Amino acid sequence: MLQSPSQPPVFQPTFSHVPPGPVAGPLQLLPVNATVVAVHTATGAHVGSLKKVGGTWKFKAMGYDAAGGMEPGHGPLTDQHNMQFDTPDAAEVSARLLGP
């Protein structure tokens, strides 16, 4: 689901450590600005962002340590860091990032 920037999210975004293992889907997309879309699990945990780089949307994984510090390129979706997308389509992003 891609949220409108003018509407509050229908989930509670959280920014904390996500333990290793399966990620709760479907993923939720929350626009930050014209070139950044935050990616959250179905339960609201922030797991990365889509950033528009040179006309292509790239997934940037994000993790958080036990103290809540940001760890760019880490987190439960580390293996998908830099995966490319044509558009920030929630269904496609969720299917590809959480694929089999």
N, C-alpha and C. Protein backbone atom coordinates (compact mmCIF):
# COMPACT_ATOMS: atom_id res chain seq x y z
N MET A 1 0.84 -1.16 0.00
CA MET A 1 0.00 0.00 0.00
C MET A 1 0.89 1.23 0.00
N LEU A 2 0.68 2.13 -0.92
CA LEU A 2 1.41 3.39 -0.96
C LEU A 2 0.53 4.45 -0.35
N GLN A 3 0.97 5.01 0.74
CA GLN A 3 0.21 6.03 1.45
C GLN A 3 0.41 7.39 0.79
N SER A 4 -0.62 8.19 0.82
CA SER A 4 -0.52 9.57 0.35
C SER A 4 0.23 10.38 1.38
N PRO A 5 1.13 11.30 0.93
CA PRO A 5 1.86 12.11 1.90
C PRO A 5 0.94 12.96 2.77
N SER A 6 -0.29 13.26 2.29
CA SER A 6 -1.19 14.11 3.06
C SER A 6 -2.06 13.32 4.04
N GLN A 7 -2.00 11.97 3.96
CA GLN A 7 -2.78 11.14 4.87
C GLN A 7 -1.86 10.48 5.88
N PRO A 8 -2.30 10.35 7.12
CA PRO A 8 -1.48 9.62 8.10
C PRO A 8 -1.45 8.14 7.73
N PRO A 9 -0.37 7.44 8.06
CA PRO A 9 -0.31 6.02 7.72
C PRO A 9 -1.39 5.23 8.46
N VAL A 10 -1.83 4.12 7.85
CA VAL A 10 -2.84 3.28 8.47
C VAL A 10 -2.19 2.26 9.40
N PHE A 11 -0.90 2.38 9.61
CA PHE A 11 -0.15 1.52 10.51
C PHE A 11 0.72 2.43 11.37
N GLN A 12 1.22 1.91 12.48
CA GLN A 12 2.08 2.70 13.37
C GLN A 12 3.54 2.45 13.00
N PRO A 13 4.20 3.40 12.32
CA PRO A 13 5.62 3.20 11.99
C PRO A 13 6.47 3.09 13.25
N THR A 14 7.39 2.13 13.25
CA THR A 14 8.33 1.99 14.35
C THR A 14 9.75 1.94 13.78
N PHE A 15 10.70 2.35 14.58
CA PHE A 15 12.09 2.43 14.16
C PHE A 15 12.95 1.78 15.24
N SER A 16 12.97 0.45 15.23
CA SER A 16 13.71 -0.29 16.24
C SER A 16 14.22 -1.60 15.65
N HIS A 17 14.99 -2.32 16.44
CA HIS A 17 15.58 -3.58 16.01
C HIS A 17 14.51 -4.58 15.59
N VAL A 18 14.72 -5.20 14.42
CA VAL A 18 13.86 -6.29 13.94
C VAL A 18 14.71 -7.55 13.99
N PRO A 19 14.30 -8.56 14.74
CA PRO A 19 15.12 -9.77 14.84
C PRO A 19 15.21 -10.50 13.50
N PRO A 20 16.28 -11.28 13.32
CA PRO A 20 16.41 -12.06 12.09
C PRO A 20 15.21 -13.00 11.92
N GLY A 21 14.93 -13.33 10.69
CA GLY A 21 13.82 -14.24 10.41
C GLY A 21 12.85 -13.62 9.43
N PRO A 22 11.75 -14.30 9.19
CA PRO A 22 10.76 -13.80 8.22
C PRO A 22 10.24 -12.41 8.60
N VAL A 23 9.96 -11.61 7.59
CA VAL A 23 9.43 -10.26 7.76
C VAL A 23 7.93 -10.30 7.52
N ALA A 24 7.17 -9.62 8.37
CA ALA A 24 5.71 -9.58 8.24
C ALA A 24 5.30 -8.78 7.02
N GLY A 25 4.64 -9.42 6.09
CA GLY A 25 4.16 -8.75 4.89
C GLY A 25 2.64 -8.66 4.93
N PRO A 26 2.06 -7.96 4.00
CA PRO A 26 2.74 -7.26 2.92
C PRO A 26 3.44 -6.00 3.41
N LEU A 27 4.45 -5.59 2.67
CA LEU A 27 5.18 -4.38 3.03
C LEU A 27 4.31 -3.16 2.75
N GLN A 28 4.52 -2.12 3.53
CA GLN A 28 3.78 -0.87 3.42
C GLN A 28 4.75 0.22 2.98
N LEU A 29 4.33 1.06 2.04
CA LEU A 29 5.17 2.15 1.54
C LEU A 29 4.62 3.48 2.02
N LEU A 30 5.51 4.31 2.55
CA LEU A 30 5.12 5.61 3.09
C LEU A 30 6.01 6.68 2.45
N PRO A 31 5.46 7.51 1.54
CA PRO A 31 6.27 8.54 0.90
C PRO A 31 6.87 9.51 1.90
N VAL A 32 8.15 9.82 1.68
CA VAL A 32 8.86 10.81 2.50
C VAL A 32 8.96 12.11 1.72
N ASN A 33 9.36 11.99 0.46
CA ASN A 33 9.40 13.13 -0.46
C ASN A 33 9.36 12.58 -1.88
N ALA A 34 9.65 13.39 -2.89
CA ALA A 34 9.52 12.97 -4.29
C ALA A 34 10.50 11.86 -4.68
N THR A 35 11.57 11.68 -3.92
CA THR A 35 12.58 10.69 -4.30
C THR A 35 12.87 9.65 -3.22
N VAL A 36 12.09 9.64 -2.15
CA VAL A 36 12.30 8.67 -1.07
C VAL A 36 10.95 8.15 -0.57
N VAL A 37 10.86 6.82 -0.46
CA VAL A 37 9.67 6.16 0.07
C VAL A 37 10.13 5.19 1.15
N ALA A 38 9.65 5.37 2.37
CA ALA A 38 10.01 4.46 3.47
C ALA A 38 9.28 3.13 3.29
N VAL A 39 9.98 2.04 3.61
CA VAL A 39 9.42 0.69 3.50
C VAL A 39 9.28 0.13 4.92
N HIS A 40 8.05 -0.28 5.26
CA HIS A 40 7.73 -0.81 6.59
C HIS A 40 7.08 -2.18 6.46
N THR A 41 7.27 -3.02 7.47
CA THR A 41 6.59 -4.30 7.51
C THR A 41 5.10 -4.07 7.77
N ALA A 42 4.31 -5.14 7.68
CA ALA A 42 2.88 -5.03 7.94
C ALA A 42 2.61 -4.60 9.37
N THR A 43 3.56 -4.88 10.28
CA THR A 43 3.39 -4.48 11.68
C THR A 43 3.98 -3.10 11.96
N GLY A 44 4.53 -2.43 10.93
CA GLY A 44 5.02 -1.07 11.07
C GLY A 44 6.51 -0.89 11.21
N ALA A 45 7.27 -1.98 11.33
CA ALA A 45 8.72 -1.85 11.51
C ALA A 45 9.41 -1.35 10.23
N HIS A 46 10.24 -0.33 10.38
CA HIS A 46 10.98 0.23 9.25
C HIS A 46 12.12 -0.72 8.87
N VAL A 47 12.13 -1.17 7.60
CA VAL A 47 13.15 -2.11 7.13
C VAL A 47 13.98 -1.55 5.97
N GLY A 48 13.68 -0.31 5.56
CA GLY A 48 14.46 0.29 4.48
C GLY A 48 13.70 1.39 3.79
N SER A 49 14.26 1.80 2.65
CA SER A 49 13.65 2.85 1.85
C SER A 49 13.87 2.57 0.38
N LEU A 50 12.99 3.12 -0.43
CA LEU A 50 13.21 3.15 -1.86
C LEU A 50 13.70 4.56 -2.16
N LYS A 51 14.82 4.64 -2.87
CA LYS A 51 15.37 5.95 -3.24
C LYS A 51 15.49 6.01 -4.75
N LYS A 52 15.01 7.11 -5.33
CA LYS A 52 15.10 7.28 -6.77
C LYS A 52 16.50 7.81 -7.10
N VAL A 53 17.26 6.99 -7.80
CA VAL A 53 18.63 7.31 -8.16
C VAL A 53 18.76 7.20 -9.67
N GLY A 54 18.99 8.34 -10.35
CA GLY A 54 19.14 8.32 -11.80
C GLY A 54 17.95 7.74 -12.54
N GLY A 55 16.74 7.99 -12.06
CA GLY A 55 15.54 7.51 -12.72
C GLY A 55 15.12 6.11 -12.32
N THR A 56 15.90 5.43 -11.48
CA THR A 56 15.58 4.08 -11.02
C THR A 56 15.38 4.09 -9.52
N TRP A 57 14.37 3.37 -9.07
CA TRP A 57 14.12 3.23 -7.63
C TRP A 57 14.96 2.08 -7.10
N LYS A 58 15.77 2.35 -6.07
CA LYS A 58 16.62 1.33 -5.47
C LYS A 58 16.22 1.14 -4.01
N PHE A 59 16.15 -0.14 -3.60
CA PHE A 59 15.86 -0.45 -2.21
C PHE A 59 17.13 -0.30 -1.40
N LYS A 60 17.05 0.43 -0.31
CA LYS A 60 18.16 0.62 0.61
C LYS A 60 17.76 0.02 1.95
N ALA A 61 18.34 -1.14 2.28
CA ALA A 61 18.02 -1.83 3.53
C ALA A 61 18.43 -0.99 4.73
N MET A 62 17.67 -1.12 5.81
CA MET A 62 17.98 -0.40 7.04
C MET A 62 17.71 -1.33 8.22
N GLY A 63 18.64 -1.34 9.13
CA GLY A 63 18.48 -2.09 10.36
C GLY A 63 18.70 -1.15 11.53
N TYR A 64 18.40 -1.64 12.70
CA TYR A 64 18.59 -0.89 13.93
C TYR A 64 19.24 -1.82 14.94
N ASP A 65 20.22 -1.30 15.67
CA ASP A 65 20.86 -2.13 16.70
C ASP A 65 19.98 -2.17 17.95
N ALA A 66 20.40 -2.94 18.94
CA ALA A 66 19.60 -3.12 20.16
C ALA A 66 19.34 -1.80 20.89
N ALA A 67 20.23 -0.82 20.71
CA ALA A 67 20.05 0.47 21.36
C ALA A 67 19.22 1.43 20.51
N GLY A 68 18.78 0.98 19.32
CA GLY A 68 17.97 1.83 18.45
C GLY A 68 18.75 2.63 17.43
N GLY A 69 20.08 2.42 17.37
CA GLY A 69 20.90 3.13 16.39
C GLY A 69 20.70 2.60 14.98
N MET A 70 20.66 3.50 14.01
CA MET A 70 20.47 3.11 12.62
C MET A 70 21.70 2.38 12.08
N GLU A 71 21.44 1.34 11.26
CA GLU A 71 22.50 0.57 10.61
C GLU A 71 22.18 0.47 9.12
N PRO A 72 22.56 1.49 8.32
CA PRO A 72 22.28 1.45 6.88
C PRO A 72 22.89 0.21 6.23
N GLY A 73 22.11 -0.40 5.32
CA GLY A 73 22.58 -1.58 4.61
C GLY A 73 22.42 -2.86 5.40
N HIS A 74 21.78 -2.79 6.55
CA HIS A 74 21.60 -3.96 7.42
C HIS A 74 20.12 -4.25 7.61
N GLY A 75 19.81 -5.08 8.56
CA GLY A 75 18.43 -5.42 8.88
C GLY A 75 18.00 -6.70 8.20
N PRO A 76 16.73 -7.04 8.35
CA PRO A 76 16.25 -8.33 7.86
C PRO A 76 16.22 -8.46 6.34
N LEU A 77 16.31 -7.35 5.62
CA LEU A 77 16.28 -7.42 4.15
C LEU A 77 17.63 -7.03 3.53
N THR A 78 18.71 -7.25 4.28
CA THR A 78 20.05 -6.91 3.82
C THR A 78 20.37 -7.51 2.45
N ASP A 79 19.97 -8.76 2.24
CA ASP A 79 20.29 -9.43 0.97
C ASP A 79 19.63 -8.77 -0.24
N GLN A 80 18.62 -7.96 -0.01
CA GLN A 80 17.94 -7.29 -1.12
C GLN A 80 18.41 -5.84 -1.31
N HIS A 81 19.41 -5.42 -0.53
CA HIS A 81 19.94 -4.05 -0.63
C HIS A 81 20.33 -3.76 -2.08
N ASN A 82 19.90 -2.63 -2.59
CA ASN A 82 20.14 -2.16 -3.96
C ASN A 82 19.30 -2.84 -5.03
N MET A 83 18.29 -3.65 -4.65
CA MET A 83 17.37 -4.20 -5.64
C MET A 83 16.68 -3.03 -6.33
N GLN A 84 16.52 -3.13 -7.64
CA GLN A 84 15.97 -2.03 -8.43
C GLN A 84 14.51 -2.26 -8.81
N PHE A 85 13.76 -1.15 -8.87
CA PHE A 85 12.35 -1.17 -9.23
C PHE A 85 12.08 -0.03 -10.21
N ASP A 86 11.10 -0.25 -11.12
CA ASP A 86 10.71 0.82 -12.05
C ASP A 86 9.87 1.88 -11.35
N THR A 87 9.01 1.43 -10.45
CA THR A 87 8.13 2.34 -9.71
C THR A 87 8.00 1.84 -8.27
N PRO A 88 7.60 2.70 -7.36
CA PRO A 88 7.37 2.25 -5.98
C PRO A 88 5.98 1.64 -5.83
N ASP A 89 5.77 0.51 -6.48
CA ASP A 89 4.49 -0.20 -6.41
C ASP A 89 4.53 -1.17 -5.23
N ALA A 90 3.63 -0.98 -4.27
CA ALA A 90 3.66 -1.75 -3.03
C ALA A 90 3.56 -3.25 -3.27
N ALA A 91 2.70 -3.68 -4.17
CA ALA A 91 2.54 -5.11 -4.42
C ALA A 91 3.81 -5.71 -5.00
N GLU A 92 4.42 -5.04 -5.98
CA GLU A 92 5.65 -5.54 -6.58
C GLU A 92 6.80 -5.52 -5.58
N VAL A 93 6.94 -4.41 -4.86
CA VAL A 93 8.02 -4.29 -3.87
C VAL A 93 7.89 -5.40 -2.83
N SER A 94 6.69 -5.61 -2.34
CA SER A 94 6.47 -6.64 -1.32
C SER A 94 6.78 -8.03 -1.88
N ALA A 95 6.29 -8.33 -3.06
CA ALA A 95 6.50 -9.65 -3.67
C ALA A 95 7.98 -9.91 -3.92
N ARG A 96 8.69 -8.93 -4.43
CA ARG A 96 10.10 -9.15 -4.76
C ARG A 96 11.00 -9.17 -3.53
N LEU A 97 10.76 -8.26 -2.58
CA LEU A 97 11.60 -8.21 -1.40
C LEU A 97 11.33 -9.39 -0.45
N LEU A 98 10.09 -9.85 -0.41
CA LEU A 98 9.74 -10.94 0.50
C LEU A 98 9.60 -12.27 -0.23
N GLY A 99 9.97 -12.30 -1.52
CA GLY A 99 9.82 -13.50 -2.35
C GLY A 99 10.28 -14.78 -1.69
N PRO A 100 10.07 -15.89 -2.40
CA PRO A 100 10.38 -17.21 -1.82
C PRO A 100 11.81 -17.39 -1.38
